[in-house]
Amino acid sequence: MYKITFLIGSLLCLLSTAYTQTAATSNAGDNARVKHFRYNKKVVAIDGYDPVSYFTNSGPLKGASKRSYTYGGITYHFASNTNLSTFKADPTKYEPAWGGWCGHAMALRGAKVTINPKCYKIINGQNVLFYRKLDANALANWEKELATTKEETLMMKGDDFWNAFLKK
């Protein structure tokens, strides 16, 4: 009886340790995401724009704080309860690529450059956001870059730079 009790106790101890290590690793990953994600002054991703709306015919819509949801430490606002429910069902599908930083800057230089939430392109099912002001349009620069570099290559480079940020 003593051996069985000892074995069960040892097994429970191992399971508890494995669970704690998994939770710590997950929290460390969330902390890196939160640390490197792009927020507005109110600590909301995509300047409060609804992440699901980018994938609909309406295009980017401003969300409302009364319909907010936090996923992996990142807060989003939604234009409708339907979009909120859609996001909750598959949040990784709707989160912006590379923490919401400018796709052109991330893919070419690994730089965190602010964005204009209305300047975007859906690429391989991902929302890639871009910088745009009167004197510069990073989406137009992205399109010019496609003359010499495949879009898949740019996306892989952006992924590599973003993953390097998440390890910091």
C-alpha atoms as a PDB file:
ATOM      1  CA  MET A   1       0.000   0.000   0.000  1.00  0.00           C
ATOM      2  CA  TYR A   2       2.881   2.347   0.846  1.00  0.00           C
ATOM      3  CA  LYS A   3       4.422   1.899  -2.652  1.00  0.00           C
ATOM      4  CA  ILE A   4       1.133   2.709  -4.388  1.00  0.00           C
ATOM      5  CA  THR A   5       0.598   5.807  -2.246  1.00  0.00           C
ATOM      6  CA  PHE A   6       4.197   6.890  -2.904  1.00  0.00           C
ATOM      7  CA  LEU A   7       3.797   6.347  -6.680  1.00  0.00           C
ATOM      8  CA  ILE A   8       0.516   8.258  -6.809  1.00  0.00           C
ATOM      9  CA  GLY A   9       2.040  11.095  -4.783  1.00  0.00           C
ATOM     10  CA  SER A  10       5.080  11.215  -7.084  1.00  0.00           C
ATOM     11  CA  LEU A  11       2.867  11.202 -10.144  1.00  0.00           C
ATOM     12  CA  LEU A  12       0.723  14.047  -8.785  1.00  0.00           C
ATOM     13  CA  CYS A  13       3.868  16.023  -7.984  1.00  0.00           C
ATOM     14  CA  LEU A  14       5.170  15.558 -11.558  1.00  0.00           C
ATOM     15  CA  LEU A  15       1.832  16.570 -13.062  1.00  0.00           C
ATOM     16  CA  SER A  16       1.675  19.640 -10.853  1.00  0.00           C
ATOM     17  CA  THR A  17       5.213  20.661 -11.855  1.00  0.00           C
ATOM     18  CA  ALA A  18       4.436  20.150 -15.555  1.00  0.00           C
ATOM     19  CA  TYR A  19       1.280  22.245 -15.250  1.00  0.00           C
ATOM     20  CA  THR A  20       3.122  25.036 -13.428  1.00  0.00           C
ATOM     21  CA  GLN A  21       5.905  25.085 -16.035  1.00  0.00           C
ATOM     22  CA  THR A  22       3.367  25.172 -18.891  1.00  0.00           C
ATOM     23  CA  ALA A  23       1.446  28.019 -17.242  1.00  0.00           C
ATOM     24  CA  ALA A  24       4.673  29.951 -16.639  1.00  0.00           C
ATOM     25  CA  THR A  25       5.760  29.466 -20.257  1.00  0.00           C
ATOM     26  CA  SER A  26       2.335  30.579 -21.482  1.00  0.00           C
ATOM     27  CA  ASN A  27       2.412  33.664 -19.256  1.00  0.00           C
ATOM     28  CA  ALA A  28       5.931  34.486 -20.459  1.00  0.00           C
ATOM     29  CA  GLY A  29       4.679  34.289 -24.052  1.00  0.00           C
ATOM     30  CA  ASP A  30       1.700  36.527 -23.239  1.00  0.00           C
ATOM     31  CA  ASN A  31       3.993  39.008 -21.476  1.00  0.00           C
ATOM     32  CA  ALA A  32       6.235  39.228 -24.559  1.00  0.00           C
ATOM     33  CA  ARG A  33       3.175  39.752 -26.763  1.00  0.00           C
ATOM     34  CA  VAL A  34       1.855  42.491 -24.498  1.00  0.00           C
ATOM     35  CA  LYS A  35       5.280  44.118 -24.268  1.00  0.00           C
ATOM     36  CA  HIS A  36       5.713  44.285 -28.047  1.00  0.00           C
ATOM     37  CA  PHE A  37       2.143  44.857 -29.291  1.00  0.00           C
ATOM     38  CA  ARG A  38       1.177  48.287 -30.619  1.00  0.00           C
ATOM     39  CA  TYR A  39      -1.458  50.184 -28.569  1.00  0.00           C
ATOM     40  CA  ASN A  40      -3.081  53.571 -28.664  1.00  0.00           C
ATOM     41  CA  LYS A  41      -2.970  55.945 -25.674  1.00  0.00           C
ATOM     42  CA  LYS A  42      -5.939  54.107 -24.147  1.00  0.00           C
ATOM     43  CA  VAL A  43      -4.041  50.788 -24.332  1.00  0.00           C
ATOM     44  CA  VAL A  44      -6.319  49.354 -27.036  1.00  0.00           C
ATOM     45  CA  ALA A  45      -5.039  47.509 -30.118  1.00  0.00           C
ATOM     46  CA  ILE A  46      -5.593  48.830 -33.659  1.00  0.00           C
ATOM     47  CA  ASP A  47      -6.519  52.261 -32.241  1.00  0.00           C
ATOM     48  CA  GLY A  48      -9.884  50.850 -31.210  1.00  0.00           C
ATOM     49  CA  TYR A  49     -10.807  49.498 -34.639  1.00  0.00           C
ATOM     50  CA  ASP A  50     -12.746  46.240 -34.778  1.00  0.00           C
ATOM     51  CA  PRO A  51     -10.321  43.465 -35.890  1.00  0.00           C
ATOM     52  CA  VAL A  52     -13.124  41.400 -37.472  1.00  0.00           C
ATOM     53  CA  SER A  53     -14.391  44.295 -39.585  1.00  0.00           C
ATOM     54  CA  TYR A  54     -11.238  44.172 -41.734  1.00  0.00           C
ATOM     55  CA  PHE A  55     -12.396  40.806 -43.047  1.00  0.00           C
ATOM     56  CA  THR A  56     -15.899  41.976 -44.008  1.00  0.00           C
ATOM     57  CA  ASN A  57     -17.257  44.028 -46.890  1.00  0.00           C
ATOM     58  CA  SER A  58     -17.553  47.041 -44.586  1.00  0.00           C
ATOM     59  CA  GLY A  59     -13.796  47.344 -44.098  1.00  0.00           C
ATOM     60  CA  PRO A  60     -12.319  48.852 -40.928  1.00  0.00           C
ATOM     61  CA  LEU A  61     -14.932  50.037 -38.436  1.00  0.00           C
ATOM     62  CA  LYS A  62     -14.311  51.782 -35.148  1.00  0.00           C
ATOM     63  CA  GLY A  63     -15.202  49.561 -32.216  1.00  0.00           C
ATOM     64  CA  ALA A  64     -16.865  50.611 -28.969  1.00  0.00           C
ATOM     65  CA  SER A  65     -15.385  50.326 -25.488  1.00  0.00           C
ATOM     66  CA  LYS A  66     -18.678  48.807 -24.275  1.00  0.00           C
ATOM     67  CA  ARG A  67     -17.867  45.845 -26.539  1.00  0.00           C
ATOM     68  CA  SER A  68     -14.293  45.183 -25.551  1.00  0.00           C
ATOM     69  CA  TYR A  69     -12.543  41.877 -25.132  1.00  0.00           C
ATOM     70  CA  THR A  70      -9.053  41.026 -23.946  1.00  0.00           C
ATOM     71  CA  TYR A  71      -7.244  38.104 -25.549  1.00  0.00           C
ATOM     72  CA  GLY A  72      -3.725  37.113 -24.523  1.00  0.00           C
ATOM     73  CA  GLY A  73      -3.321  40.398 -22.686  1.00  0.00           C
ATOM     74  CA  ILE A  74      -4.385  42.461 -25.717  1.00  0.00           C
ATOM     75  CA  THR A  75      -7.633  44.506 -25.598  1.00  0.00           C
ATOM     76  CA  TYR A  76      -9.789  44.969 -28.691  1.00  0.00           C
ATOM     77  CA  HIS A  77     -12.976  46.936 -29.321  1.00  0.00           C
ATOM     78  CA  PHE A  78     -15.802  45.702 -31.563  1.00  0.00           C
ATOM     79  CA  ALA A  79     -18.390  47.435 -33.712  1.00  0.00           C
ATOM     80  CA  SER A  80     -21.031  44.761 -33.074  1.00  0.00           C
ATOM     81  CA  ASN A  81     -21.822  41.853 -30.786  1.00  0.00           C
ATOM     82  CA  THR A  82     -21.655  39.580 -33.840  1.00  0.00           C
ATOM     83  CA  ASN A  83     -18.047  40.627 -34.513  1.00  0.00           C
ATOM     84  CA  LEU A  84     -17.190  40.180 -30.845  1.00  0.00           C
ATOM     85  CA  SER A  85     -18.593  36.622 -30.912  1.00  0.00           C
ATOM     86  CA  THR A  86     -16.770  35.903 -34.169  1.00  0.00           C
ATOM     87  CA  PHE A  87     -13.486  37.051 -32.644  1.00  0.00           C
ATOM     88  CA  LYS A  88     -13.974  35.008 -29.474  1.00  0.00           C
ATOM     89  CA  ALA A  89     -14.488  31.879 -31.609  1.00  0.00           C
ATOM     90  CA  ASP A  90     -11.100  32.259 -33.371  1.00  0.00           C
ATOM     91  CA  PRO A  91      -9.054  35.215 -32.075  1.00  0.00           C
ATOM     92  CA  THR A  92      -5.776  34.310 -33.787  1.00  0.00           C
ATOM     93  CA  LYS A  93      -7.492  34.563 -37.175  1.00  0.00           C
ATOM     94  CA  TYR A  94      -8.408  38.203 -36.596  1.00  0.00           C
ATOM     95  CA  GLU A  95      -5.452  39.608 -34.695  1.00  0.00           C
ATOM     96  CA  PRO A  96      -3.279  41.912 -36.800  1.00  0.00           C
ATOM     97  CA  ALA A  97       0.001  40.554 -38.120  1.00  0.00           C
ATOM     98  CA  TRP A  98       3.162  41.438 -36.197  1.00  0.00           C
ATOM     99  CA  GLY A  99       1.501  43.013 -33.208  1.00  0.00           C
ATOM    100  CA  GLY A 100      -0.261  45.634 -35.278  1.00  0.00           C
ATOM    101  CA  TRP A 101       2.932  47.369 -36.427  1.00  0.00           C
ATOM    102  CA  CYS A 102       3.510  48.543 -40.005  1.00  0.00           C
ATOM    103  CA  GLY A 103       3.899  45.537 -42.299  1.00  0.00           C
ATOM    104  CA  HIS A 104       6.363  47.207 -44.650  1.00  0.00           C
ATOM    105  CA  ALA A 105       8.694  48.321 -41.847  1.00  0.00           C
ATOM    106  CA  MET A 106       8.464  44.964 -40.064  1.00  0.00           C
ATOM    107  CA  ALA A 107       9.105  42.852 -43.180  1.00  0.00           C
ATOM    108  CA  LEU A 108      11.951  44.945 -44.565  1.00  0.00           C
ATOM    109  CA  ARG A 109      13.731  46.243 -41.453  1.00  0.00           C
ATOM    110  CA  GLY A 110      12.227  44.522 -38.434  1.00  0.00           C
ATOM    111  CA  ALA A 111      11.172  47.972 -37.215  1.00  0.00           C
ATOM    112  CA  LYS A 112       8.181  48.906 -35.095  1.00  0.00           C
ATOM    113  CA  VAL A 113       6.545  51.741 -37.006  1.00  0.00           C
ATOM    114  CA  THR A 114       3.106  53.106 -36.176  1.00  0.00           C
ATOM    115  CA  ILE A 115       0.175  52.529 -38.520  1.00  0.00           C
ATOM    116  CA  ASN A 116      -2.920  54.129 -39.927  1.00  0.00           C
ATOM    117  CA  PRO A 117      -5.707  51.671 -39.005  1.00  0.00           C
ATOM    118  CA  LYS A 118      -7.479  52.379 -42.293  1.00  0.00           C
ATOM    119  CA  CYS A 119      -4.425  51.376 -44.361  1.00  0.00           C
ATOM    120  CA  TYR A 120      -4.302  47.590 -44.552  1.00  0.00           C
ATOM    121  CA  LYS A 121      -4.162  44.533 -46.770  1.00  0.00           C
ATOM    122  CA  ILE A 122      -5.419  41.020 -46.080  1.00  0.00           C
ATOM    123  CA  ILE A 123      -2.575  38.686 -47.075  1.00  0.00           C
ATOM    124  CA  ASN A 124      -2.975  34.924 -46.778  1.00  0.00           C
ATOM    125  CA  GLY A 125      -5.782  35.449 -44.279  1.00  0.00           C
ATOM    126  CA  GLN A 126      -3.788  37.896 -42.136  1.00  0.00           C
ATOM    127  CA  ASN A 127      -4.539  41.559 -41.547  1.00  0.00           C
ATOM    128  CA  VAL A 128      -1.334  43.452 -42.339  1.00  0.00           C
ATOM    129  CA  LEU A 129      -1.519  47.107 -41.282  1.00  0.00           C
ATOM    130  CA  PHE A 130       0.561  49.940 -42.775  1.00  0.00           C
ATOM    131  CA  TYR A 131       1.816  53.426 -42.009  1.00  0.00           C
ATOM    132  CA  ARG A 132       0.206  56.208 -44.025  1.00  0.00           C
ATOM    133  CA  LYS A 133       0.444  59.979 -43.749  1.00  0.00           C
ATOM    134  CA  LEU A 134       0.144  62.712 -46.369  1.00  0.00           C
ATOM    135  CA  ASP A 135       3.786  62.334 -47.399  1.00  0.00           C
ATOM    136  CA  ALA A 136       4.182  58.547 -47.144  1.00  0.00           C
ATOM    137  CA  ASN A 137       2.193  55.404 -47.878  1.00  0.00           C
ATOM    138  CA  ALA A 138       3.799  52.175 -46.718  1.00  0.00           C
ATOM    139  CA  LEU A 139       1.142  50.041 -48.453  1.00  0.00           C
ATOM    140  CA  ALA A 140       2.086  51.645 -51.779  1.00  0.00           C
ATOM    141  CA  ASN A 141       5.735  50.916 -50.965  1.00  0.00           C
ATOM    142  CA  TRP A 142       4.804  47.314 -50.157  1.00  0.00           C
ATOM    143  CA  GLU A 143       3.133  46.977 -53.547  1.00  0.00           C
ATOM    144  CA  LYS A 144       6.244  48.424 -55.269  1.00  0.00           C
ATOM    145  CA  GLU A 145       8.413  45.940 -53.370  1.00  0.00           C
ATOM    146  CA  LEU A 146       6.390  43.095 -54.915  1.00  0.00           C
ATOM    147  CA  ALA A 147       8.041  43.870 -58.261  1.00  0.00           C
ATOM    148  CA  THR A 148      11.274  42.354 -56.909  1.00  0.00           C
ATOM    149  CA  THR A 149      10.237  40.268 -53.885  1.00  0.00           C
ATOM    150  CA  LYS A 150       7.481  37.672 -53.537  1.00  0.00           C
ATOM    151  CA  GLU A 151       4.800  38.536 -51.032  1.00  0.00           C
ATOM    152  CA  GLU A 152       5.336  35.173 -49.300  1.00  0.00           C
ATOM    153  CA  THR A 153       8.989  36.127 -48.783  1.00  0.00           C
ATOM    154  CA  LEU A 154       8.025  39.461 -47.245  1.00  0.00           C
ATOM    155  CA  MET A 155       5.561  37.704 -44.954  1.00  0.00           C
ATOM    156  CA  MET A 156       8.203  35.183 -43.840  1.00  0.00           C
ATOM    157  CA  LYS A 157      10.690  37.989 -43.146  1.00  0.00           C
ATOM    158  CA  GLY A 158       8.073  39.829 -41.100  1.00  0.00           C
ATOM    159  CA  ASP A 159       7.334  36.637 -39.159  1.00  0.00           C
ATOM    160  CA  ASP A 160      11.048  36.165 -38.463  1.00  0.00           C
ATOM    161  CA  PHE A 161      11.485  39.725 -37.189  1.00  0.00           C
ATOM    162  CA  TRP A 162       8.312  39.520 -35.084  1.00  0.00           C
ATOM    163  CA  ASN A 163       9.340  36.192 -33.537  1.00  0.00           C
ATOM    164  CA  ALA A 164      12.715  37.730 -32.659  1.00  0.00           C
ATOM    165  CA  PHE A 165      10.886  40.518 -30.785  1.00  0.00           C
ATOM    166  CA  LEU A 166       8.849  37.935 -28.870  1.00  0.00           C
ATOM    167  CA  LYS A 167      12.065  36.302 -27.632  1.00  0.00           C
ATOM    168  CA  LYS A 168      13.322  39.574 -26.105  1.00  0.00           C
END
